[in-house]
Amino acid sequence: MRSVTYSMSVSLDGYIVGPDGDFDWTVPDEEVFRFWIDEIREVGVHLLGRRLYETMLYWETADQDPTLDDSMLEWAALWKPLPKVVFSTTLQAVQGHARLVSGGLAEEIERLRAEPAQGDIAIGGATLAAEAAASGLIDEYRVMIYPVLVGGGVPFFPQHERRVDLELIETRTFNSRVVYLRYGVPH
């Protein structure tokens, strides 16, 4: 069965976006960016909320940007054809290899898990991940921790009233002092 993973960059105090909506502190150096490229190779479908989808739209045409380096072009070449499922009640249409869904996250995950397709089911966006976590649908949390305190904003971990014990699967420290943690949810 395909695993559901939630992976994003986060500040040391636990936020994916600061209180001002800024996330410029998550710009990866070359070593971290190469890691993200390797990670996306393992993804078979990416589930996104509206805000993250709109942020990632740049990568649908990034291959036309003459200022991109080879790593960014490689990322764009992997991201563009990747199947995406966008959850939104306000968008009317999506682009590229995306399809729009207006509800039913649990049903969509179960449908995707039942498919014979390869690769993880990745979730991007805190709101969507919070819904999946509340339903016990996340198999792995992958956290890229940046050495910065932003003091508030959008938290990486959803706030819910149940305890979830995790098992450490992997750690890695990058030269930039960024730390990657990968935790599994025991079933």
Protein backbone atom coordinates (compact mmCIF):
# COMPACT_ATOMS: atom_id res chain seq x y z
CA MET A 1 0.00 0.00 0.00
CA ARG A 2 1.26 3.49 -0.84
CA SER A 3 2.49 5.62 2.07
CA VAL A 4 1.10 9.07 2.80
CA THR A 5 3.86 11.54 3.65
CA TYR A 6 3.73 15.13 4.91
CA SER A 7 6.94 16.99 4.17
CA MET A 8 7.72 20.68 4.40
CA SER A 9 10.36 23.15 5.54
CA VAL A 10 9.82 24.49 9.03
CA SER A 11 11.37 27.00 11.43
CA LEU A 12 12.91 25.71 14.65
CA ASP A 13 9.85 27.00 16.51
CA GLY A 14 7.58 24.91 14.28
CA TYR A 15 6.17 27.21 11.58
CA ILE A 16 6.08 26.75 7.79
CA VAL A 17 5.20 30.42 7.26
CA GLY A 18 6.00 33.31 9.59
CA PRO A 19 3.43 35.69 11.10
CA ASP A 20 3.86 38.10 8.18
CA GLY A 21 3.23 35.34 5.62
CA ASP A 22 6.92 35.23 4.73
CA PHE A 23 8.87 32.04 4.18
CA ASP A 24 12.03 33.39 2.50
CA TRP A 25 14.10 31.71 5.21
CA THR A 26 13.22 28.35 3.58
CA VAL A 27 15.17 29.03 0.39
CA PRO A 28 17.40 25.95 0.20
CA ASP A 29 21.09 25.96 -0.58
CA GLU A 30 22.34 23.60 -3.30
CA GLU A 31 22.82 20.64 -0.93
CA VAL A 32 19.30 20.88 0.51
CA PHE A 33 17.80 21.51 -2.92
CA ARG A 34 19.46 18.32 -4.25
CA PHE A 35 17.89 16.46 -1.31
CA TRP A 36 14.43 17.79 -2.26
CA ILE A 37 15.03 16.68 -5.85
CA ASP A 38 15.78 13.16 -4.63
CA GLU A 39 12.68 13.23 -2.42
CA ILE A 40 10.31 14.25 -5.22
CA ARG A 41 11.53 11.30 -7.30
CA GLU A 42 9.81 9.01 -4.75
CA VAL A 43 6.43 10.76 -5.06
CA GLY A 44 3.72 9.26 -7.26
CA VAL A 45 1.06 11.91 -6.63
CA HIS A 46 1.06 15.19 -4.70
CA LEU A 47 -1.97 16.46 -2.79
CA LEU A 48 -2.04 20.22 -2.33
CA GLY A 49 -4.23 22.83 -0.77
CA ARG A 50 -5.07 25.96 -2.72
CA ARG A 51 -2.35 28.19 -1.22
CA LEU A 52 0.49 25.74 -1.82
CA TYR A 53 -0.82 24.97 -5.31
CA GLU A 54 -0.77 28.68 -6.15
CA THR A 55 2.76 29.01 -4.74
CA MET A 56 3.97 26.04 -6.78
CA LEU A 57 2.37 27.22 -10.04
CA TYR A 58 5.66 28.91 -10.91
CA TRP A 59 7.21 25.47 -11.52
CA GLU A 60 4.67 24.66 -14.25
CA THR A 61 6.46 27.10 -16.58
CA ALA A 62 9.82 27.48 -14.82
CA ASP A 63 11.61 25.56 -17.57
CA GLN A 64 11.10 28.67 -19.73
CA ASP A 65 13.04 30.88 -17.25
CA PRO A 66 16.53 31.46 -18.72
CA THR A 67 17.97 32.35 -15.28
CA LEU A 68 17.42 28.89 -13.76
CA ASP A 69 20.41 26.73 -12.98
CA ASP A 70 20.63 23.02 -13.79
CA SER A 71 19.25 21.91 -10.40
CA MET A 72 16.19 24.12 -10.73
CA LEU A 73 15.59 22.89 -14.26
CA GLU A 74 15.84 19.32 -12.99
CA TRP A 75 13.28 20.07 -10.26
CA ALA A 76 10.94 21.66 -12.81
CA ALA A 77 11.30 18.62 -15.09
CA LEU A 78 10.24 16.35 -12.21
CA TRP A 79 7.49 18.59 -10.79
CA LYS A 80 5.71 19.51 -14.01
CA PRO A 81 4.58 15.99 -15.07
CA LEU A 82 3.88 14.85 -11.50
CA PRO A 83 0.17 14.12 -10.96
CA LYS A 84 -1.32 16.63 -8.53
CA VAL A 85 -4.65 16.70 -6.73
CA VAL A 86 -5.69 20.18 -5.61
CA PHE A 87 -8.23 20.54 -2.82
CA SER A 88 -10.09 23.83 -3.01
CA THR A 89 -13.58 25.18 -2.71
CA THR A 90 -12.65 28.50 -4.35
CA LEU A 91 -10.60 27.59 -7.43
CA GLN A 92 -12.54 27.07 -10.64
CA ALA A 93 -9.74 25.38 -12.61
CA VAL A 94 -6.19 24.08 -12.29
CA GLN A 95 -3.34 23.74 -14.78
CA GLY A 96 -1.01 21.07 -16.07
CA HIS A 97 -1.13 17.60 -14.56
CA ALA A 98 -3.44 18.70 -11.75
CA ARG A 99 -7.04 17.91 -11.08
CA LEU A 100 -9.37 19.81 -8.79
CA VAL A 101 -11.24 18.20 -5.89
CA SER A 102 -13.63 20.13 -3.67
CA GLY A 103 -13.79 17.71 -0.74
CA GLY A 104 -13.37 14.17 0.46
CA LEU A 105 -9.69 14.03 1.46
CA ALA A 106 -10.01 10.69 3.26
CA GLU A 107 -11.88 9.16 0.33
CA GLU A 108 -9.31 10.48 -2.15
CA ILE A 109 -6.40 9.07 -0.13
CA GLU A 110 -8.08 5.68 0.16
CA ARG A 111 -8.79 5.69 -3.60
CA LEU A 112 -5.16 6.56 -4.36
CA ARG A 113 -3.87 3.90 -1.95
CA ALA A 114 -5.98 1.28 -3.73
CA GLU A 115 -4.52 2.14 -7.14
CA PRO A 116 -1.69 -0.05 -8.43
CA ALA A 117 0.43 3.07 -9.03
CA GLN A 118 3.94 3.53 -7.67
CA GLY A 119 5.34 6.23 -5.39
CA ASP A 120 4.29 7.94 -2.21
CA ILE A 121 1.19 10.04 -1.79
CA ALA A 122 2.67 13.35 -0.66
CA ILE A 123 0.65 15.99 1.15
CA GLY A 124 1.67 19.62 0.97
CA GLY A 125 0.15 22.41 2.99
CA ALA A 126 -0.62 22.67 6.69
CA THR A 127 -4.40 22.85 6.42
CA LEU A 128 -4.66 19.77 4.23
CA ALA A 129 -2.13 17.89 6.38
CA ALA A 130 -4.07 18.79 9.55
CA GLU A 131 -7.19 17.20 8.08
CA ALA A 132 -5.26 14.07 7.09
CA ALA A 133 -3.57 13.88 10.51
CA ALA A 134 -6.89 14.22 12.35
CA SER A 135 -8.13 11.19 10.41
CA GLY A 136 -4.95 9.22 11.10
CA LEU A 137 -4.01 9.11 7.41
CA ILE A 138 -0.38 10.27 7.57
CA ASP A 139 2.24 7.50 7.60
CA GLU A 140 5.35 9.70 7.73
CA TYR A 141 6.26 13.21 8.81
CA ARG A 142 9.31 14.63 7.05
CA VAL A 143 10.56 17.87 8.53
CA MET A 144 13.33 20.08 7.13
CA ILE A 145 14.17 22.29 10.12
CA TYR A 146 15.79 25.66 9.41
CA PRO A 147 17.82 27.36 12.17
CA VAL A 148 15.51 30.34 12.56
CA LEU A 149 12.81 31.38 15.04
CA VAL A 150 9.94 33.22 13.35
CA GLY A 151 7.74 33.71 16.42
CA GLY A 152 4.41 32.60 14.99
CA GLY A 153 2.54 31.96 11.79
CA VAL A 154 1.25 28.75 10.24
CA PRO A 155 2.35 25.71 12.29
CA PHE A 156 3.75 22.58 10.63
CA PHE A 157 2.07 20.24 13.08
CA PRO A 158 -1.70 20.34 13.30
CA GLN A 159 -3.16 21.09 16.68
CA HIS A 160 -5.42 18.24 17.66
CA GLU A 161 -6.35 16.65 20.92
CA ARG A 162 -4.90 13.21 20.47
CA ARG A 163 -1.42 11.94 21.12
CA VAL A 164 0.55 10.44 18.23
CA ASP A 165 3.71 8.50 19.04
CA LEU A 166 6.29 8.57 16.27
CA GLU A 167 9.29 6.42 15.39
CA LEU A 168 12.48 8.08 14.16
CA ILE A 169 13.41 6.69 10.74
CA GLU A 170 16.14 9.05 9.54
CA THR A 171 18.09 12.16 10.46
CA ARG A 172 20.47 14.24 8.43
CA THR A 173 22.34 17.46 9.11
CA PHE A 174 23.32 19.62 6.16
CA ASN A 175 26.33 21.96 5.92
CA SER A 176 23.94 24.92 6.13
CA ARG A 177 22.88 23.73 9.65
CA VAL A 178 19.49 22.66 8.29
CA VAL A 179 18.35 19.39 9.88
CA TYR A 180 16.11 16.79 8.25
CA LEU A 181 13.98 14.53 10.46
CA ARG A 182 11.86 11.67 9.18
CA TYR A 183 9.35 10.04 11.50
CA GLY A 184 6.99 7.16 10.90
CA VAL A 185 3.60 6.64 12.52
CA PRO A 186 3.40 3.10 13.90
CA HIS A 187 0.22 1.27 12.85
